[in-house]
Protein backbone atom coordinates (compact mmCIF):
# COMPACT_ATOMS: atom_id res chain seq x y z
CA MET A 1 0.00 0.00 0.00
CA ARG A 2 1.37 3.43 -0.93
CA ARG A 3 0.96 6.44 1.32
CA HIS A 4 0.75 9.89 -0.17
CA ALA A 5 1.35 13.04 1.81
CA ALA A 6 -1.49 15.50 1.84
CA SER A 7 0.75 18.08 3.47
CA ALA A 8 4.10 18.28 5.14
CA CYS A 9 4.30 17.40 8.82
CA HIS A 10 7.17 18.23 11.11
CA TYR A 11 7.64 17.23 14.70
CA HIS A 12 10.49 18.20 16.97
CA TYR A 13 11.41 15.73 19.69
CA PRO A 14 14.03 16.39 22.34
CA ILE A 15 16.97 14.01 22.25
CA ALA A 16 16.45 13.11 25.90
CA SER A 17 13.14 11.48 25.00
CA PHE A 18 14.91 8.93 22.87
CA ALA A 19 18.47 7.77 23.10
CA GLY A 20 19.62 9.65 26.17
CA SER A 21 22.66 11.80 26.63
CA LEU A 22 24.99 9.53 24.64
CA CYS A 23 23.10 10.43 21.46
CA ALA A 24 23.40 14.11 22.26
CA VAL A 25 27.11 13.87 23.01
CA THR A 26 27.87 11.82 19.88
CA ALA A 27 26.03 14.14 17.52
CA CYS A 28 27.26 17.32 19.18
CA ALA A 29 30.87 16.18 18.94
CA LEU A 30 30.52 16.43 15.16
CA LEU A 31 29.34 20.04 15.24
CA PRO A 32 31.48 23.14 15.02
CA ASP A 33 31.22 24.98 18.36
CA THR A 34 29.34 27.89 16.80
CA LEU A 35 26.59 25.61 15.50
CA GLY A 36 26.26 23.16 18.35
CA ALA A 37 23.56 24.68 20.54
CA ALA A 38 21.11 25.79 17.85
CA THR A 39 21.38 22.63 15.81
CA MET A 40 21.30 20.25 18.75
CA ASN A 41 18.12 21.91 20.03
CA ALA A 42 16.44 20.78 16.81
CA LEU A 43 17.65 17.16 16.80
CA PRO A 44 16.34 14.61 16.38
CA TYR A 45 13.83 16.05 13.95
CA PHE A 46 11.10 14.23 12.07
CA CYS A 47 10.03 15.39 8.61
CA GLU A 48 7.50 13.95 6.26
CA GLY A 49 6.42 15.09 2.83
CA GLU A 50 5.84 14.19 -0.76
CA VAL A 51 8.91 13.52 -2.91
CA VAL A 52 9.11 16.12 -5.69
CA LYS A 53 11.42 16.59 -8.65
CA GLY A 54 14.53 18.51 -7.77
CA PHE A 55 17.31 19.94 -9.89
CA GLY A 56 17.99 16.59 -11.58
CA ARG A 57 21.66 16.52 -10.58
CA GLY A 58 21.73 13.74 -7.97
CA SER A 59 21.39 10.77 -10.27
CA LYS A 60 22.64 12.28 -13.51
CA GLU A 61 25.63 14.40 -12.54
CA LEU A 62 26.64 12.95 -9.21
CA GLY A 63 25.57 9.32 -9.47
CA ILE A 64 24.01 9.76 -6.03
CA PRO A 65 20.22 9.97 -6.35
CA THR A 66 18.35 12.24 -3.97
CA ALA A 67 14.74 12.58 -2.90
CA ASN A 68 13.66 16.18 -2.60
CA PHE A 69 11.13 17.69 -0.25
CA PRO A 70 8.79 20.44 -1.48
CA GLU A 71 9.36 24.05 -0.43
CA ASP A 72 6.78 23.93 2.38
CA VAL A 73 8.75 21.19 4.14
CA VAL A 74 12.03 23.08 3.70
CA ASP A 75 10.42 26.31 4.92
CA SER A 76 9.14 24.65 8.08
CA LEU A 77 12.49 23.30 9.24
CA PRO A 78 13.63 25.08 12.42
CA SER A 79 14.83 28.57 11.51
CA ASP A 80 18.02 28.11 13.53
CA ILE A 81 18.99 24.72 12.09
CA ALA A 82 22.47 24.92 10.59
CA THR A 83 22.89 24.35 6.87
CA GLY A 84 25.03 21.39 6.01
CA ILE A 85 25.06 17.63 5.85
CA TYR A 86 23.02 15.53 8.26
CA TYR A 87 22.43 11.82 8.76
CA GLY A 88 19.53 9.77 9.99
CA TRP A 89 16.88 7.31 8.91
CA GLY A 90 14.44 7.40 6.01
CA CYS A 91 11.44 5.47 4.77
CA VAL A 92 9.61 5.75 1.45
CA GLY A 93 5.87 5.09 1.73
CA ASN A 94 5.35 2.09 3.98
CA GLY A 95 8.63 0.50 2.90
CA GLU A 96 11.71 -0.47 4.84
CA VAL A 97 13.68 2.02 6.91
CA HIS A 98 17.16 2.79 5.57
CA LYS A 99 20.09 4.95 6.56
CA MET A 100 20.20 8.34 4.89
CA VAL A 101 22.28 11.47 4.45
CA MET A 102 20.69 14.82 3.80
CA SER A 103 21.85 18.19 2.56
CA ILE A 104 20.03 21.21 3.94
CA GLY A 105 21.04 24.51 2.39
CA TRP A 106 21.88 26.30 -0.82
CA ASN A 107 24.46 23.91 -2.32
CA PRO A 108 27.23 26.50 -2.81
CA PHE A 109 28.93 24.44 -5.55
CA TYR A 110 25.83 24.98 -7.71
CA LYS A 111 25.11 28.47 -6.37
CA ASN A 112 21.46 27.69 -5.69
CA THR A 113 19.25 30.65 -4.85
CA LYS A 114 16.64 28.51 -3.07
CA LYS A 115 17.24 26.56 0.11
CA SER A 116 16.64 22.85 -0.42
CA ALA A 117 16.47 19.63 1.58
CA GLU A 118 17.84 16.74 -0.48
CA THR A 119 17.89 13.24 0.99
CA HIS A 120 20.00 10.35 -0.26
CA ILE A 121 18.55 7.08 1.02
CA ILE A 122 21.43 4.60 1.34
CA HIS A 123 19.69 1.87 -0.60
CA THR A 124 19.27 0.97 -4.26
CA PHE A 125 15.68 1.43 -5.40
CA GLU A 126 14.33 -0.23 -8.54
CA GLU A 127 12.46 2.87 -9.69
CA ASP A 128 11.87 6.54 -8.94
CA PHE A 129 9.38 7.36 -6.20
CA TYR A 130 8.14 10.84 -7.05
CA GLY A 131 4.81 11.48 -5.36
CA GLU A 132 5.51 9.00 -2.56
CA THR A 133 5.70 10.05 1.07
CA LEU A 134 9.24 10.31 2.43
CA SER A 135 9.53 10.11 6.21
CA ILE A 136 12.88 10.91 7.78
CA VAL A 137 14.43 11.33 11.18
CA ILE A 138 17.42 13.67 11.23
CA ALA A 139 19.66 12.26 13.94
CA GLY A 140 23.04 13.97 13.62
CA TYR A 141 25.21 16.50 11.83
CA ILE A 142 28.30 15.73 9.74
CA ARG A 143 29.59 19.07 8.45
CA PRO A 144 28.64 22.53 7.22
CA GLU A 145 27.91 23.00 3.53
CA ARG A 146 30.77 24.36 1.46
CA THR A 147 31.81 24.79 -2.13
CA PHE A 148 34.31 22.60 -3.95
CA ASN A 149 36.96 23.18 -6.62
CA SER A 150 35.59 20.47 -8.89
CA LEU A 151 32.70 18.08 -9.40
CA ASP A 152 35.01 15.19 -8.51
CA ALA A 153 35.86 16.85 -5.17
CA LEU A 154 32.14 17.29 -4.44
CA ILE A 155 31.41 13.64 -5.27
CA SER A 156 34.31 12.52 -3.08
CA ALA A 157 32.99 14.59 -0.16
CA ILE A 158 29.48 13.17 -0.58
CA ARG A 159 30.84 9.62 -0.62
CA SER A 160 32.78 10.39 2.56
CA ASP A 161 29.59 11.80 4.13
CA ILE A 162 27.76 8.58 3.24
CA GLU A 163 30.45 6.47 4.92
CA GLU A 164 30.35 8.70 8.02
CA ALA A 165 26.56 8.34 8.15
CA LYS A 166 26.76 4.56 7.87
CA ASN A 167 29.29 4.39 10.70
CA GLN A 168 27.38 6.74 13.01
CA LEU A 169 24.04 5.04 12.38
CA ASP A 170 25.49 1.67 13.38
CA LEU A 171 25.96 3.00 16.93
CA PRO A 172 23.41 1.56 19.38
CA GLU A 173 21.90 4.93 20.29
CA PHE A 174 21.03 5.65 16.66
CA VAL A 175 19.63 2.16 16.07
CA LYS A 176 17.46 2.76 19.14
CA LEU A 177 16.35 6.10 17.71
CA LYS A 178 15.31 4.40 14.46
CA ASP A 179 13.36 1.77 16.34
CA GLN A 180 11.58 4.35 18.47
CA PHE A 181 10.50 6.45 15.48
CA PHE A 182 9.64 3.82 12.93
CA ASN A 183 8.68 0.71 14.90
CA ASN A 184 6.29 2.65 17.11
CA ASN A 185 3.49 4.71 15.66
CA LYS A 186 5.41 7.78 14.49
CA ASN A 187 2.21 9.80 14.32
CA ASN A 188 1.83 9.74 18.10
CA ILE A 189 1.89 13.20 19.58
CA MET A 190 4.95 13.48 21.79
CA ASN A 191 6.16 16.16 24.15
CA GLY A 192 3.14 18.35 23.45
CA HIS A 193 3.98 18.83 19.76
């Protein structure tokens, strides 16, 4: 059965509700000092929305397909969330939950004028899933966004981000976070939100 998003939904859950202080310490250790407090106050963060067509660069130019959220989802991310590369868990429709990396920002290499949220699910899908509901939990931060001297340097950095995400998400506190979001009813209202 396929689920389609009628509108974007965003829920902010404090880290303490899930994996405890170890999760907070692990994710915060990856943040530059100037970004730590604002970004950590927003993590983990649940987003859900319909997958829309993006710039068309992920699969074609980079060989790293991305699922793009519509503008209303991007606009409703916390205003103080740092731009950059994040990791977490993602699920398309009612499918399996997979590791993911996500870029939030303006993609300086491409000089975008619109802020975007582009998710790479670390899984090989048989077909595109435009129009499907993408549900993600942003669990941690890898690095700020930056520009690169070449397309090859950008691709290399993305591949490194993917490896970092895989390693972080294997840690018990992040597996627990996945289980708590996706194995329980993620539509439960939590912490008054």
